[in-house]
C-alpha atoms as a PDB file:
ATOM      1  CA  MET A   1       0.000   0.000   0.000  1.00  0.00           C
ATOM      2  CA  SER A   2       1.275   3.439  -0.885  1.00  0.00           C
ATOM      3  CA  ASP A   3       2.094   5.946   1.861  1.00  0.00           C
ATOM      4  CA  SER A   4       1.150   8.787  -0.496  1.00  0.00           C
ATOM      5  CA  TRP A   5      -2.583   7.963  -0.520  1.00  0.00           C
ATOM      6  CA  THR A   6      -4.872  10.847   0.438  1.00  0.00           C
ATOM      7  CA  TRP A   7      -8.575  11.613   0.511  1.00  0.00           C
ATOM      8  CA  ASP A   8      -9.957  13.143  -2.673  1.00  0.00           C
ATOM      9  CA  TYR A   9     -12.315  15.197  -0.545  1.00  0.00           C
ATOM     10  CA  ASP A  10     -11.149  16.523   2.808  1.00  0.00           C
ATOM     11  CA  PRO A  11     -13.624  19.092   4.197  1.00  0.00           C
ATOM     12  CA  ASP A  12     -12.579  21.334   7.038  1.00  0.00           C
ATOM     13  CA  ALA A  13     -14.558  21.639  10.265  1.00  0.00           C
ATOM     14  CA  GLU A  14     -16.313  24.829   9.156  1.00  0.00           C
ATOM     15  CA  HIS A  15     -17.642  23.075   6.057  1.00  0.00           C
ATOM     16  CA  VAL A  16     -18.960  20.155   8.123  1.00  0.00           C
ATOM     17  CA  VAL A  17     -20.580  22.095  10.988  1.00  0.00           C
ATOM     18  CA  GLY A  18     -21.034  25.508   9.376  1.00  0.00           C
ATOM     19  CA  GLY A  19     -24.422  26.943  10.243  1.00  0.00           C
ATOM     20  CA  MET A  20     -25.056  24.640  13.201  1.00  0.00           C
ATOM     21  CA  SER A  21     -25.532  26.249  16.582  1.00  0.00           C
ATOM     22  CA  HIS A  22     -22.874  25.818  19.232  1.00  0.00           C
ATOM     23  CA  GLU A  23     -25.354  23.805  21.309  1.00  0.00           C
ATOM     24  CA  VAL A  24     -25.916  21.282  18.504  1.00  0.00           C
ATOM     25  CA  VAL A  25     -22.181  20.861  17.878  1.00  0.00           C
ATOM     26  CA  THR A  26     -21.589  20.363  21.606  1.00  0.00           C
ATOM     27  CA  GLU A  27     -24.338  17.727  21.827  1.00  0.00           C
ATOM     28  CA  VAL A  28     -23.014  15.821  18.809  1.00  0.00           C
ATOM     29  CA  GLU A  29     -19.513  15.851  20.317  1.00  0.00           C
ATOM     30  CA  ARG A  30     -20.920  14.562  23.631  1.00  0.00           C
ATOM     31  CA  LEU A  31     -22.789  11.728  21.911  1.00  0.00           C
ATOM     32  CA  ALA A  32     -19.734  10.796  19.829  1.00  0.00           C
ATOM     33  CA  GLU A  33     -17.664  10.590  23.009  1.00  0.00           C
ATOM     34  CA  GLN A  34     -20.249   8.300  24.605  1.00  0.00           C
ATOM     35  CA  LEU A  35     -20.158   6.027  21.562  1.00  0.00           C
ATOM     36  CA  THR A  36     -16.387   5.873  21.810  1.00  0.00           C
ATOM     37  CA  VAL A  37     -16.605   4.867  25.476  1.00  0.00           C
ATOM     38  CA  LEU A  38     -19.154   2.156  24.679  1.00  0.00           C
ATOM     39  CA  ARG A  39     -16.937   0.793  21.902  1.00  0.00           C
ATOM     40  CA  THR A  40     -13.954   0.410  24.247  1.00  0.00           C
ATOM     41  CA  ARG A  41     -15.870  -1.588  26.848  1.00  0.00           C
END
């Protein structure tokens, strides 16, 4: 496998969450963290 492989599309954080309220972004981050914890158990 080549070490030079990259994504063809690599959006930045503003593109992904642009327009969402801070509260929504915070809640999504909280839920993602909980999923991570569940996965490691």
